């Protein structure tokens, strides 16, 4: 009996060329942008079009940055992410499928504050390239909208005029570059 060979490729995140950001409306008139500075991702795929891809990522809540130390502290507190009790946000894919051309759909389970919900992300495959060091790389742009309240991020406040301070809808934008492992 011959051994079954596999062409499974494993890709690991190139953090220097990747970012995880989020946008949320403040006072419903402007947008605050934040990011996570410590995160990791892996893509395992055998098919060249990644249709059998298994994707996982995680972000350290304590690495959140909105360019405002006071706001970052509030986001890390129990009012929002509760970084002490729930230090990691994670995602594990359940399906990854090509829609057409470079457009894909990624579905999986997103866990924030120990609450896991299914989420679907729109994905644009940026292509593959070999860098100056001979490393094979692939790039993806991902986006989704989630309800922060569904994940227990329920802090809320209302202005004197009755306006909402922070919207429930959060836009996630991920720009990732992955390196094929030898």
C-alpha atoms as a PDB file:
ATOM      1  CA  UNK A   1       0.000   0.000   0.000  1.00  0.00           C
ATOM      2  CA  UNK A   2       1.465   3.343  -1.046  1.00  0.00           C
ATOM      3  CA  UNK A   3       1.526   6.357   1.207  1.00  0.00           C
ATOM      4  CA  UNK A   4      -0.925   9.122   0.468  1.00  0.00           C
ATOM      5  CA  UNK A   5       0.864  12.345  -0.321  1.00  0.00           C
ATOM      6  CA  UNK A   6      -0.575  15.699   0.493  1.00  0.00           C
ATOM      7  CA  UNK A   7       0.042  19.087  -1.027  1.00  0.00           C
ATOM      8  CA  UNK A   8      -1.185  20.875   2.078  1.00  0.00           C
ATOM      9  CA  UNK A   9       0.279  24.349   2.239  1.00  0.00           C
ATOM     10  CA  UNK A  10       0.513  26.214   5.517  1.00  0.00           C
ATOM     11  CA  UNK A  11       0.631  30.002   5.506  1.00  0.00           C
ATOM     12  CA  UNK A  12       1.519  32.061   8.554  1.00  0.00           C
ATOM     13  CA  UNK A  13       0.835  35.735   9.111  1.00  0.00           C
ATOM     14  CA  UNK A  14       3.420  38.317   8.103  1.00  0.00           C
ATOM     15  CA  UNK A  15       2.549  40.748  10.900  1.00  0.00           C
ATOM     16  CA  UNK A  16       4.842  43.476   9.554  1.00  0.00           C
ATOM     17  CA  UNK A  17       2.677  43.698   6.430  1.00  0.00           C
ATOM     18  CA  UNK A  18      -0.750  43.101   7.972  1.00  0.00           C
ATOM     19  CA  UNK A  19      -3.287  44.981  10.067  1.00  0.00           C
ATOM     20  CA  UNK A  20      -6.575  44.414  11.870  1.00  0.00           C
ATOM     21  CA  UNK A  21      -8.683  47.544  12.194  1.00  0.00           C
ATOM     22  CA  UNK A  22     -12.203  48.412  13.246  1.00  0.00           C
ATOM     23  CA  UNK A  23     -14.402  51.456  12.754  1.00  0.00           C
ATOM     24  CA  UNK A  24     -17.303  52.596  14.908  1.00  0.00           C
ATOM     25  CA  UNK A  25     -19.484  55.690  14.734  1.00  0.00           C
ATOM     26  CA  UNK A  26     -19.053  58.189  17.561  1.00  0.00           C
ATOM     27  CA  UNK A  27     -22.013  60.489  18.278  1.00  0.00           C
ATOM     28  CA  UNK A  28     -23.296  59.175  14.926  1.00  0.00           C
ATOM     29  CA  UNK A  29     -21.463  62.017  13.160  1.00  0.00           C
ATOM     30  CA  UNK A  30     -17.886  60.786  12.884  1.00  0.00           C
ATOM     31  CA  UNK A  31     -15.951  57.537  12.854  1.00  0.00           C
ATOM     32  CA  UNK A  32     -13.334  56.347  15.334  1.00  0.00           C
ATOM     33  CA  UNK A  33     -10.780  53.894  13.974  1.00  0.00           C
ATOM     34  CA  UNK A  34      -8.899  51.428  16.124  1.00  0.00           C
ATOM     35  CA  UNK A  35      -6.561  48.523  15.596  1.00  0.00           C
ATOM     36  CA  UNK A  36      -4.977  45.560  17.302  1.00  0.00           C
ATOM     37  CA  UNK A  37      -1.186  45.623  17.243  1.00  0.00           C
ATOM     38  CA  UNK A  38      -0.647  42.008  18.361  1.00  0.00           C
ATOM     39  CA  UNK A  39      -2.377  39.302  16.349  1.00  0.00           C
ATOM     40  CA  UNK A  40      -1.729  36.046  14.524  1.00  0.00           C
ATOM     41  CA  UNK A  41      -3.295  34.115  11.647  1.00  0.00           C
ATOM     42  CA  UNK A  42      -2.863  30.798   9.860  1.00  0.00           C
ATOM     43  CA  UNK A  43      -4.215  29.503   6.556  1.00  0.00           C
ATOM     44  CA  UNK A  44      -4.044  25.783   5.712  1.00  0.00           C
ATOM     45  CA  UNK A  45      -5.050  24.875   2.155  1.00  0.00           C
ATOM     46  CA  UNK A  46      -4.416  22.131  -0.354  1.00  0.00           C
ATOM     47  CA  UNK A  47      -6.355  23.594  -3.308  1.00  0.00           C
ATOM     48  CA  UNK A  48      -4.624  26.304  -5.313  1.00  0.00           C
ATOM     49  CA  UNK A  49      -7.778  28.442  -5.173  1.00  0.00           C
ATOM     50  CA  UNK A  50      -7.879  28.056  -1.345  1.00  0.00           C
ATOM     51  CA  UNK A  51     -11.425  26.624  -1.579  1.00  0.00           C
ATOM     52  CA  UNK A  52     -10.556  24.023   1.070  1.00  0.00           C
ATOM     53  CA  UNK A  53      -8.811  26.618   3.209  1.00  0.00           C
ATOM     54  CA  UNK A  54      -8.975  26.511   6.980  1.00  0.00           C
ATOM     55  CA  UNK A  55      -8.327  29.907   8.502  1.00  0.00           C
ATOM     56  CA  UNK A  56      -7.832  30.954  12.087  1.00  0.00           C
ATOM     57  CA  UNK A  57      -6.780  34.195  13.689  1.00  0.00           C
ATOM     58  CA  UNK A  58      -6.499  35.719  17.112  1.00  0.00           C
ATOM     59  CA  UNK A  59      -5.872  39.193  18.487  1.00  0.00           C
ATOM     60  CA  UNK A  60      -4.680  40.273  21.912  1.00  0.00           C
ATOM     61  CA  UNK A  61      -7.246  42.619  23.450  1.00  0.00           C
ATOM     62  CA  UNK A  62      -4.534  44.400  25.454  1.00  0.00           C
ATOM     63  CA  UNK A  63      -2.951  45.506  22.165  1.00  0.00           C
ATOM     64  CA  UNK A  64      -5.958  47.647  21.168  1.00  0.00           C
ATOM     65  CA  UNK A  65      -5.023  51.118  19.965  1.00  0.00           C
ATOM     66  CA  UNK A  66      -7.203  54.056  18.938  1.00  0.00           C
ATOM     67  CA  UNK A  67      -4.453  56.687  19.288  1.00  0.00           C
ATOM     68  CA  UNK A  68      -6.000  57.847  22.563  1.00  0.00           C
ATOM     69  CA  UNK A  69      -4.682  56.356  25.801  1.00  0.00           C
ATOM     70  CA  UNK A  70      -7.792  57.194  27.862  1.00  0.00           C
ATOM     71  CA  UNK A  71     -10.152  55.660  25.269  1.00  0.00           C
ATOM     72  CA  UNK A  72      -7.898  52.596  24.898  1.00  0.00           C
ATOM     73  CA  UNK A  73      -8.033  52.090  28.658  1.00  0.00           C
ATOM     74  CA  UNK A  74     -11.825  52.290  28.591  1.00  0.00           C
ATOM     75  CA  UNK A  75     -12.006  49.765  25.723  1.00  0.00           C
ATOM     76  CA  UNK A  76      -9.772  47.341  27.657  1.00  0.00           C
ATOM     77  CA  UNK A  77     -11.921  47.706  30.799  1.00  0.00           C
ATOM     78  CA  UNK A  78     -14.914  45.598  31.825  1.00  0.00           C
ATOM     79  CA  UNK A  79     -17.194  48.196  30.168  1.00  0.00           C
ATOM     80  CA  UNK A  80     -16.060  46.836  26.807  1.00  0.00           C
ATOM     81  CA  UNK A  81     -13.576  44.016  26.071  1.00  0.00           C
ATOM     82  CA  UNK A  82     -12.507  43.203  29.660  1.00  0.00           C
ATOM     83  CA  UNK A  83      -8.927  42.391  28.663  1.00  0.00           C
ATOM     84  CA  UNK A  84      -8.078  40.911  32.070  1.00  0.00           C
ATOM     85  CA  UNK A  85     -10.807  38.285  32.003  1.00  0.00           C
ATOM     86  CA  UNK A  86     -10.979  37.805  28.197  1.00  0.00           C
ATOM     87  CA  UNK A  87      -7.493  38.532  26.816  1.00  0.00           C
ATOM     88  CA  UNK A  88      -8.032  37.119  23.306  1.00  0.00           C
ATOM     89  CA  UNK A  89     -10.422  37.573  20.387  1.00  0.00           C
ATOM     90  CA  UNK A  90     -10.433  34.574  18.051  1.00  0.00           C
ATOM     91  CA  UNK A  91     -11.869  33.414  14.746  1.00  0.00           C
ATOM     92  CA  UNK A  92     -11.987  29.884  13.285  1.00  0.00           C
ATOM     93  CA  UNK A  93     -13.334  29.358   9.774  1.00  0.00           C
ATOM     94  CA  UNK A  94     -16.085  26.913   8.878  1.00  0.00           C
ATOM     95  CA  UNK A  95     -15.987  27.578   5.119  1.00  0.00           C
ATOM     96  CA  UNK A  96     -14.002  29.561   2.578  1.00  0.00           C
ATOM     97  CA  UNK A  97     -15.362  29.740  -0.941  1.00  0.00           C
ATOM     98  CA  UNK A  98     -14.617  31.583  -4.135  1.00  0.00           C
ATOM     99  CA  UNK A  99     -17.559  33.618  -5.393  1.00  0.00           C
ATOM    100  CA  UNK A 100     -16.050  34.910  -8.625  1.00  0.00           C
ATOM    101  CA  UNK A 101     -12.579  35.963  -9.702  1.00  0.00           C
ATOM    102  CA  UNK A 102     -10.768  37.425  -6.693  1.00  0.00           C
ATOM    103  CA  UNK A 103     -13.923  37.640  -4.546  1.00  0.00           C
ATOM    104  CA  UNK A 104     -14.371  35.068  -1.778  1.00  0.00           C
ATOM    105  CA  UNK A 105     -16.664  34.519   1.187  1.00  0.00           C
ATOM    106  CA  UNK A 106     -15.244  33.446   4.540  1.00  0.00           C
ATOM    107  CA  UNK A 107     -17.585  32.119   7.218  1.00  0.00           C
ATOM    108  CA  UNK A 108     -16.584  31.132  10.698  1.00  0.00           C
ATOM    109  CA  UNK A 109     -16.985  31.529  14.429  1.00  0.00           C
ATOM    110  CA  UNK A 110     -15.880  34.789  16.021  1.00  0.00           C
ATOM    111  CA  UNK A 111     -15.332  34.732  19.788  1.00  0.00           C
ATOM    112  CA  UNK A 112     -15.269  37.945  21.820  1.00  0.00           C
ATOM    113  CA  UNK A 113     -15.650  37.975  25.628  1.00  0.00           C
ATOM    114  CA  UNK A 114     -16.310  34.225  25.566  1.00  0.00           C
ATOM    115  CA  UNK A 115     -19.323  34.741  23.250  1.00  0.00           C
ATOM    116  CA  UNK A 116     -19.080  32.845  19.966  1.00  0.00           C
ATOM    117  CA  UNK A 117     -21.241  33.821  16.984  1.00  0.00           C
ATOM    118  CA  UNK A 118     -21.064  32.951  13.295  1.00  0.00           C
ATOM    119  CA  UNK A 119     -19.854  35.752  11.069  1.00  0.00           C
ATOM    120  CA  UNK A 120     -19.335  36.072   7.315  1.00  0.00           C
ATOM    121  CA  UNK A 121     -16.554  38.206   5.877  1.00  0.00           C
ATOM    122  CA  UNK A 122     -16.230  39.486   2.343  1.00  0.00           C
ATOM    123  CA  UNK A 123     -12.756  38.636   1.075  1.00  0.00           C
ATOM    124  CA  UNK A 124     -10.758  39.991  -1.829  1.00  0.00           C
ATOM    125  CA  UNK A 125      -7.771  37.879  -2.820  1.00  0.00           C
ATOM    126  CA  UNK A 126      -4.939  40.248  -3.660  1.00  0.00           C
ATOM    127  CA  UNK A 127      -2.774  37.636  -5.332  1.00  0.00           C
ATOM    128  CA  UNK A 128       0.464  35.760  -4.793  1.00  0.00           C
ATOM    129  CA  UNK A 129       4.028  37.022  -5.033  1.00  0.00           C
ATOM    130  CA  UNK A 130       7.558  35.956  -4.187  1.00  0.00           C
ATOM    131  CA  UNK A 131       9.364  38.590  -2.125  1.00  0.00           C
ATOM    132  CA  UNK A 132      13.020  39.665  -2.235  1.00  0.00           C
ATOM    133  CA  UNK A 133      13.950  36.811   0.124  1.00  0.00           C
ATOM    134  CA  UNK A 134      12.356  34.069  -1.979  1.00  0.00           C
ATOM    135  CA  UNK A 135       9.340  33.721   0.319  1.00  0.00           C
ATOM    136  CA  UNK A 136       5.991  32.892  -1.297  1.00  0.00           C
ATOM    137  CA  UNK A 137       3.316  35.282  -0.056  1.00  0.00           C
ATOM    138  CA  UNK A 138      -0.413  35.754  -0.551  1.00  0.00           C
ATOM    139  CA  UNK A 139      -2.545  38.753   0.334  1.00  0.00           C
ATOM    140  CA  UNK A 140      -6.175  39.185   1.335  1.00  0.00           C
ATOM    141  CA  UNK A 141      -8.463  42.087   2.250  1.00  0.00           C
ATOM    142  CA  UNK A 142     -11.350  41.071   4.529  1.00  0.00           C
ATOM    143  CA  UNK A 143     -14.324  43.022   5.821  1.00  0.00           C
ATOM    144  CA  UNK A 144     -17.460  42.464   7.868  1.00  0.00           C
ATOM    145  CA  UNK A 145     -19.984  44.282  10.019  1.00  0.00           C
ATOM    146  CA  UNK A 146     -20.883  42.984  13.458  1.00  0.00           C
ATOM    147  CA  UNK A 147     -23.119  44.059  16.323  1.00  0.00           C
ATOM    148  CA  UNK A 148     -20.977  44.754  19.369  1.00  0.00           C
ATOM    149  CA  UNK A 149     -23.947  44.102  21.672  1.00  0.00           C
ATOM    150  CA  UNK A 150     -24.160  40.494  20.425  1.00  0.00           C
ATOM    151  CA  UNK A 151     -20.702  39.922  21.917  1.00  0.00           C
ATOM    152  CA  UNK A 152     -21.439  41.480  25.292  1.00  0.00           C
ATOM    153  CA  UNK A 153     -19.921  44.873  24.420  1.00  0.00           C
ATOM    154  CA  UNK A 154     -23.008  46.629  25.730  1.00  0.00           C
ATOM    155  CA  UNK A 155     -21.629  49.817  27.307  1.00  0.00           C
ATOM    156  CA  UNK A 156     -23.747  52.705  26.179  1.00  0.00           C
ATOM    157  CA  UNK A 157     -24.297  56.351  26.906  1.00  0.00           C
ATOM    158  CA  UNK A 158     -26.658  58.989  25.621  1.00  0.00           C
ATOM    159  CA  UNK A 159     -25.934  62.682  25.138  1.00  0.00           C
ATOM    160  CA  UNK A 160     -28.078  65.384  26.770  1.00  0.00           C
ATOM    161  CA  UNK A 161     -29.865  65.768  23.438  1.00  0.00           C
ATOM    162  CA  UNK A 162     -30.645  62.038  23.380  1.00  0.00           C
ATOM    163  CA  UNK A 163     -28.001  61.033  20.819  1.00  0.00           C
ATOM    164  CA  UNK A 164     -26.186  57.709  20.929  1.00  0.00           C
ATOM    165  CA  UNK A 165     -22.507  58.071  21.882  1.00  0.00           C
ATOM    166  CA  UNK A 166     -21.198  54.823  20.323  1.00  0.00           C
ATOM    167  CA  UNK A 167     -23.015  52.907  17.581  1.00  0.00           C
ATOM    168  CA  UNK A 168     -23.761  49.210  17.898  1.00  0.00           C
ATOM    169  CA  UNK A 169     -22.468  48.412  14.405  1.00  0.00           C
ATOM    170  CA  UNK A 170     -18.724  47.845  14.125  1.00  0.00           C
ATOM    171  CA  UNK A 171     -16.929  47.538  10.794  1.00  0.00           C
ATOM    172  CA  UNK A 172     -14.020  45.113  10.740  1.00  0.00           C
ATOM    173  CA  UNK A 173     -11.290  45.558   8.120  1.00  0.00           C
ATOM    174  CA  UNK A 174      -8.375  43.167   7.886  1.00  0.00           C
ATOM    175  CA  UNK A 175      -5.513  43.503   5.462  1.00  0.00           C
ATOM    176  CA  UNK A 176      -3.284  40.452   5.699  1.00  0.00           C
ATOM    177  CA  UNK A 177      -0.208  39.086   4.040  1.00  0.00           C
ATOM    178  CA  UNK A 178       0.647  35.443   4.677  1.00  0.00           C
ATOM    179  CA  UNK A 179       3.936  33.610   4.129  1.00  0.00           C
ATOM    180  CA  UNK A 180       3.963  30.046   2.806  1.00  0.00           C
ATOM    181  CA  UNK A 181       5.856  27.807   5.202  1.00  0.00           C
ATOM    182  CA  UNK A 182       8.581  25.509   3.872  1.00  0.00           C
END
